[in-house]
Amino acid sequence: MRRGGASRACSVRMRPSRPPPAPVLPPPGYRRGGHRRAARGSGAEGKAMFRALLPARCPRCPRPPPCRRLSAPAPPARPGLGARLCVVAGAGAAAGAGWLYLRAERERRRRERRRAELRALALGRGEFRLQDHAGRPRRMGDFRGRWVLLYFGFTHCPDVCPEELEKLGRAAELLERDPALPPLQPLFVTLDPERDDAAALARYVRDFHPRLLGLTGGAEEVRAAARAYGVYAAAGPRDEDGDYIVDHSVFIYLLGPDGLLLDCYGRAKTDAQIAQSVRRHMETYEPVLQAGE
């Protein structure tokens, strides 16, 4: 057994080991990238070789312009805050001027229509004649060229007429405080000529305003004056003492210097409101009637 095992062990032969391959070394004088430089050449030879590789170009043709880098166009500059404010202010001023023009035009047309209406009303109204509380004859032509506040009533009126005449007097006093305004003449026309003669009117008007002028006349003359201004008046039934009340419309009338009716004020108007309205009419007054009418 030992012999067999010895002979088997001795029969194993060891293979000789091979040496590692020798490294490949570059030849003497070799440099990395040398073959590229050799292909391109160096100096004038390299440039000539590079030009030879380019396509032929006609000597008469112009040389194409050099390439420029394309860039996105710059965004437009936005106007500053001051410029935007100027634009807004200009638009607002134009709109305001247009609105004022339209308003003035509407007011002018309204005045023209009103003047035409008053002109027609004046030409259709007749003249009437009365007498004042001093007994002097009066007609409406005597008050041309003056502003007039006119009221129709009667001296035996218990409450309405005194209240309205007091309001008329206070409005006249408010207007008299402004010396720049033209003078105003307050008038009181009775609707009860049977009882309101000149002496009764003289005692009555002095309690309201120092320049209040009372007017009276015959029954037909008083009715003509009332009809000229659309005043309603009707005497009521008499009592046991023969006293009676005159039912009538309650208005204070404003007459312009040409004698035309410009405005009227009911019981709801205060003395301050009447004075303000009269002042506005005085400041914007334009004659309606032509010369000679």
Protein backbone atom coordinates (compact mmCIF):
# COMPACT_ATOMS: atom_id res chain seq x y z
CA MET A 1 0.00 0.00 0.00
CA ARG A 2 2.70 2.38 0.86
CA ARG A 3 4.44 1.56 -2.28
CA GLY A 4 1.35 2.16 -4.34
CA GLY A 5 0.64 5.38 -2.53
CA ALA A 6 4.30 6.36 -2.92
CA SER A 7 4.33 5.66 -6.61
CA ARG A 8 0.99 7.66 -7.06
CA ALA A 9 2.43 10.54 -5.23
CA CYS A 10 5.59 10.49 -7.22
CA SER A 11 3.72 10.30 -10.49
CA VAL A 12 2.20 13.90 -10.01
CA ARG A 13 4.23 16.34 -11.99
CA MET A 14 4.33 20.06 -11.34
CA ARG A 15 3.68 22.28 -14.38
CA PRO A 16 6.17 25.06 -14.76
CA SER A 17 4.65 28.61 -14.29
CA ARG A 18 4.66 31.05 -17.25
CA PRO A 19 6.19 34.45 -16.85
CA PRO A 20 3.79 37.51 -17.14
CA PRO A 21 3.65 39.20 -20.56
CA ALA A 22 6.07 41.98 -21.09
CA PRO A 23 4.49 45.48 -21.23
CA VAL A 24 4.22 47.18 -24.63
CA LEU A 25 6.30 50.27 -24.52
CA PRO A 26 5.90 53.16 -26.98
CA PRO A 27 8.67 53.65 -29.42
CA PRO A 28 11.30 56.18 -28.63
CA GLY A 29 10.16 59.78 -29.34
CA TYR A 30 6.43 58.95 -29.17
CA ARG A 31 4.13 61.59 -27.65
CA ARG A 32 0.40 61.35 -26.88
CA GLY A 33 -1.64 63.04 -29.61
CA GLY A 34 1.26 63.20 -31.94
CA HIS A 35 -0.58 61.44 -34.75
CA ARG A 36 -3.29 64.13 -34.70
CA ARG A 37 -0.79 66.92 -34.89
CA ALA A 38 0.99 65.03 -37.61
CA ALA A 39 -2.30 64.74 -39.55
CA ARG A 40 -3.06 68.45 -39.08
CA GLY A 41 0.44 69.54 -39.46
CA SER A 42 1.88 72.55 -37.76
CA GLY A 43 2.25 76.13 -38.82
CA ALA A 44 1.78 77.01 -42.51
CA GLU A 45 1.54 73.36 -43.59
CA GLY A 46 -1.42 72.76 -41.24
CA LYS A 47 -3.26 75.85 -42.45
CA ALA A 48 -2.72 74.92 -46.10
CA MET A 49 -4.00 71.41 -45.46
CA PHE A 50 -7.11 72.83 -43.60
CA ARG A 51 -7.88 75.19 -46.49
CA ALA A 52 -7.50 72.37 -48.99
CA LEU A 53 -10.19 70.44 -47.19
CA LEU A 54 -12.71 73.37 -47.46
CA PRO A 55 -15.07 73.51 -50.53
CA ALA A 56 -14.00 75.73 -53.38
CA ARG A 57 -15.40 79.29 -53.36
CA CYS A 58 -15.85 81.64 -56.27
CA PRO A 59 -13.41 84.55 -55.92
CA ARG A 60 -16.04 86.99 -57.23
CA CYS A 61 -18.69 86.07 -54.72
CA PRO A 62 -18.76 88.23 -51.59
CA ARG A 63 -17.78 86.64 -48.39
CA PRO A 64 -20.81 85.76 -46.28
CA PRO A 65 -21.25 87.89 -43.21
CA PRO A 66 -20.06 86.45 -39.97
CA CYS A 67 -22.61 84.55 -37.96
CA ARG A 68 -24.28 86.46 -35.17
CA ARG A 69 -25.80 84.95 -32.14
CA LEU A 70 -29.59 85.28 -32.25
CA SER A 71 -31.12 86.56 -29.06
CA ALA A 72 -34.72 87.12 -27.97
CA PRO A 73 -35.97 90.71 -28.49
CA ALA A 74 -35.96 92.83 -25.39
CA PRO A 75 -39.44 93.39 -23.90
CA PRO A 76 -40.86 96.90 -24.49
CA ALA A 77 -40.28 99.32 -21.66
CA ARG A 78 -43.37 99.86 -19.49
CA PRO A 79 -44.39 103.46 -18.76
CA GLY A 80 -43.56 104.71 -15.32
CA LEU A 81 -46.02 105.53 -12.56
CA GLY A 82 -45.93 109.24 -13.36
CA ALA A 83 -46.83 108.64 -17.01
CA ARG A 84 -49.73 106.38 -16.05
CA LEU A 85 -51.02 108.97 -13.60
CA CYS A 86 -50.85 111.66 -16.29
CA VAL A 87 -52.86 109.47 -18.67
CA VAL A 88 -55.51 108.76 -16.02
CA ALA A 89 -55.70 112.44 -15.05
CA GLY A 90 -56.05 113.49 -18.67
CA ALA A 91 -58.85 110.98 -19.29
CA GLY A 92 -60.65 112.11 -16.13
CA ALA A 93 -60.34 115.77 -17.08
CA ALA A 94 -61.71 115.08 -20.56
CA ALA A 95 -64.66 113.14 -19.13
CA GLY A 96 -65.37 115.90 -16.60
CA ALA A 97 -65.24 118.60 -19.27
CA GLY A 98 -67.64 116.63 -21.44
CA TRP A 99 -70.05 116.15 -18.55
CA LEU A 100 -69.97 119.87 -17.71
CA TYR A 101 -70.58 120.78 -21.34
CA LEU A 102 -73.59 118.45 -21.59
CA ARG A 103 -74.98 119.79 -18.33
CA ALA A 104 -74.61 123.41 -19.47
CA GLU A 105 -76.20 122.55 -22.81
CA ARG A 106 -79.19 120.90 -21.14
CA GLU A 107 -79.61 123.90 -18.85
CA ARG A 108 -79.44 126.30 -21.79
CA ARG A 109 -82.08 124.36 -23.69
CA ARG A 110 -84.30 124.25 -20.61
CA ARG A 111 -84.03 128.03 -20.23
CA GLU A 112 -84.83 128.52 -23.89
CA ARG A 113 -87.99 126.40 -23.60
CA ARG A 114 -88.97 128.21 -20.42
CA ARG A 115 -88.47 131.60 -22.04
CA ALA A 116 -90.60 130.56 -25.01
CA GLU A 117 -93.40 129.43 -22.69
CA LEU A 118 -93.25 132.64 -20.66
CA ARG A 119 -93.16 134.69 -23.82
CA ALA A 120 -96.35 133.05 -25.07
CA LEU A 121 -97.96 133.49 -21.66
CA ALA A 122 -97.02 137.18 -21.50
CA LEU A 123 -98.36 137.99 -24.95
CA GLY A 124 -101.72 136.42 -24.05
CA ARG A 125 -102.16 138.27 -20.76
CA GLY A 126 -103.90 141.64 -20.68
CA GLU A 127 -103.08 144.68 -18.63
CA PHE A 128 -105.11 145.52 -15.53
CA ARG A 129 -105.48 148.67 -13.46
CA LEU A 130 -105.80 148.99 -9.67
CA GLN A 131 -105.04 151.56 -6.99
CA ASP A 132 -102.60 151.39 -4.08
CA HIS A 133 -103.34 151.94 -0.39
CA ALA A 134 -102.52 155.65 -0.82
CA GLY A 135 -105.25 156.04 -3.45
CA ARG A 136 -102.90 156.41 -6.42
CA PRO A 137 -103.79 154.52 -9.64
CA ARG A 138 -101.50 151.63 -10.44
CA ARG A 139 -101.08 149.23 -13.30
CA MET A 140 -98.62 146.41 -13.91
CA GLY A 141 -96.66 148.52 -16.35
CA ASP A 142 -95.63 150.74 -13.43
CA PHE A 143 -93.51 147.92 -12.04
CA ARG A 144 -91.64 147.07 -15.24
CA GLY A 145 -87.91 147.07 -14.64
CA ARG A 146 -88.29 145.91 -11.02
CA TRP A 147 -88.44 142.53 -9.34
CA VAL A 148 -91.79 141.86 -7.66
CA LEU A 149 -93.03 139.38 -5.04
CA LEU A 150 -96.83 139.29 -5.37
CA TYR A 151 -99.44 137.77 -3.05
CA PHE A 152 -103.26 137.61 -3.34
CA GLY A 153 -105.36 137.52 -0.16
CA PHE A 154 -107.69 139.58 2.01
CA THR A 155 -107.36 141.52 5.27
CA HIS A 156 -110.00 139.54 7.19
CA CYS A 157 -108.11 136.28 6.69
CA PRO A 158 -107.68 134.69 10.15
CA ASP A 159 -104.32 132.92 9.77
CA VAL A 160 -103.11 131.91 6.29
CA CYS A 161 -102.70 135.37 4.78
CA PRO A 162 -100.84 136.85 7.80
CA GLU A 163 -98.46 133.88 7.81
CA GLU A 164 -97.75 134.15 4.09
CA LEU A 165 -97.26 137.93 4.23
CA GLU A 166 -94.86 137.57 7.16
CA LYS A 167 -92.90 134.99 5.14
CA LEU A 168 -92.87 137.32 2.13
CA GLY A 169 -91.57 140.18 4.28
CA ARG A 170 -88.78 138.07 5.79
CA ALA A 171 -87.71 136.87 2.35
CA ALA A 172 -87.55 140.47 1.16
CA GLU A 173 -85.44 141.43 4.17
CA LEU A 174 -83.00 138.58 3.47
CA LEU A 175 -82.54 139.79 -0.08
CA GLU A 176 -82.12 143.43 1.00
CA ARG A 177 -79.06 142.47 3.06
CA ASP A 178 -77.08 141.94 -0.14
CA PRO A 179 -76.43 145.36 -1.74
CA ALA A 180 -75.29 143.70 -4.97
CA LEU A 181 -78.81 142.45 -5.71
CA PRO A 182 -81.39 144.64 -7.46
CA PRO A 183 -84.26 146.08 -5.35
CA LEU A 184 -87.38 144.01 -4.81
CA GLN A 185 -90.94 145.34 -4.56
CA PRO A 186 -93.43 143.35 -2.40
CA LEU A 187 -97.09 143.64 -3.50
CA PHE A 188 -100.36 142.56 -1.86
CA VAL A 189 -103.54 142.40 -4.01
CA THR A 190 -106.79 141.99 -2.15
CA LEU A 191 -109.41 139.48 -3.27
CA ASP A 192 -112.09 141.17 -1.15
CA PRO A 193 -112.56 144.67 -2.62
CA GLU A 194 -115.91 145.03 -0.84
CA ARG A 195 -114.28 145.32 2.57
CA ASP A 196 -110.63 146.08 1.65
CA ASP A 197 -110.58 149.70 0.55
CA ALA A 198 -107.45 151.85 0.48
CA ALA A 199 -107.69 152.83 4.15
CA ALA A 200 -108.08 149.20 5.30
CA LEU A 201 -105.09 148.16 3.21
CA ALA A 202 -102.97 151.00 4.61
CA ARG A 203 -103.61 149.83 8.17
CA TYR A 204 -102.99 146.18 7.24
CA VAL A 205 -99.76 146.24 5.21
CA ARG A 206 -97.72 148.25 7.69
CA ASP A 207 -97.56 145.24 10.03
CA PHE A 208 -95.49 143.10 7.61
CA HIS A 209 -92.93 145.12 5.65
CA PRO A 210 -92.26 148.88 5.36
CA ARG A 211 -92.29 148.79 1.55
CA LEU A 212 -95.22 146.39 1.13
CA LEU A 213 -97.69 147.99 -1.28
CA GLY A 214 -101.41 147.12 -1.05
CA LEU A 215 -103.55 147.15 -4.22
CA THR A 216 -107.33 147.19 -4.51
CA GLY A 217 -109.98 148.28 -7.02
CA GLY A 218 -113.40 147.44 -8.31
CA ALA A 219 -114.76 143.89 -8.24
CA GLU A 220 -114.26 143.37 -11.96
CA GLU A 221 -110.74 144.81 -11.89
CA VAL A 222 -109.74 142.54 -9.01
CA ARG A 223 -111.18 139.51 -10.79
CA ALA A 224 -109.21 140.42 -13.94
CA ALA A 225 -105.99 140.63 -11.93
CA ALA A 226 -106.67 137.25 -10.32
CA ARG A 227 -107.43 135.61 -13.67
CA ALA A 228 -104.16 136.93 -15.11
CA TYR A 229 -102.21 134.79 -12.61
CA GLY A 230 -104.60 131.85 -12.41
CA VAL A 231 -105.69 132.67 -8.85
CA TYR A 232 -108.87 130.99 -7.62
CA ALA A 233 -111.10 133.06 -5.32
CA ALA A 234 -114.66 132.54 -4.07
CA ALA A 235 -116.50 134.20 -1.18
CA GLY A 236 -118.13 131.85 1.31
CA PRO A 237 -121.58 132.16 2.94
CA ARG A 238 -122.16 135.03 5.32
CA ASP A 239 -122.82 134.48 9.01
CA GLU A 240 -125.31 136.33 11.26
CA ASP A 241 -122.98 139.33 11.54
CA GLY A 242 -122.52 139.52 7.78
CA ASP A 243 -118.94 138.27 7.99
CA TYR A 244 -117.58 135.78 5.46
CA ILE A 245 -114.38 134.01 4.43
CA VAL A 246 -112.85 134.18 0.96
CA ASP A 247 -111.57 130.83 -0.22
CA HIS A 248 -108.56 131.32 -2.52
CA SER A 249 -105.38 129.68 -3.77
CA VAL A 250 -102.25 130.41 -1.73
CA PHE A 251 -99.11 131.26 -3.71
CA ILE A 252 -96.39 133.88 -3.69
CA TYR A 253 -95.52 134.89 -7.27
CA LEU A 254 -92.15 136.11 -8.53
CA LEU A 255 -92.24 138.59 -11.44
CA GLY A 256 -89.15 139.54 -13.43
CA PRO A 257 -88.25 143.05 -14.60
CA ASP A 258 -90.17 142.45 -17.85
CA GLY A 259 -93.35 141.70 -15.89
CA LEU A 260 -93.34 137.96 -16.63
CA LEU A 261 -94.13 135.30 -14.08
CA LEU A 262 -90.85 133.49 -13.33
CA ASP A 263 -91.73 131.33 -10.33
CA CYS A 264 -94.28 130.71 -7.58
CA TYR A 265 -93.96 129.40 -4.01
CA GLY A 266 -96.53 127.47 -1.99
CA ARG A 267 -97.02 127.24 1.74
CA ALA A 268 -94.36 124.54 2.08
CA LYS A 269 -91.59 126.96 1.09
CA THR A 270 -89.77 128.82 3.86
CA ASP A 271 -88.60 132.42 3.72
CA ALA A 272 -84.98 131.27 3.31
CA GLN A 273 -85.89 128.97 0.42
CA ILE A 274 -87.83 131.75 -1.30
CA ALA A 275 -84.94 134.18 -0.89
CA GLN A 276 -82.49 131.62 -2.28
CA SER A 277 -84.70 130.96 -5.32
CA VAL A 278 -85.17 134.67 -6.00
CA ARG A 279 -81.41 135.24 -5.74
CA ARG A 280 -80.76 132.48 -8.28
CA HIS A 281 -83.30 134.00 -10.68
CA MET A 282 -81.68 137.42 -10.30
CA GLU A 283 -78.20 136.06 -11.02
CA THR A 284 -79.26 134.09 -14.11
CA TYR A 285 -81.89 136.47 -15.46
CA GLU A 286 -82.20 137.01 -19.22
CA PRO A 287 -84.91 139.24 -20.74
CA VAL A 288 -87.68 137.35 -22.53
CA LEU A 289 -89.62 140.12 -24.25
CA GLN A 290 -88.06 142.13 -27.03
CA ALA A 291 -88.06 145.91 -27.07
CA GLY A 292 -91.48 147.30 -27.84
CA GLU A 293 -93.44 144.19 -26.86
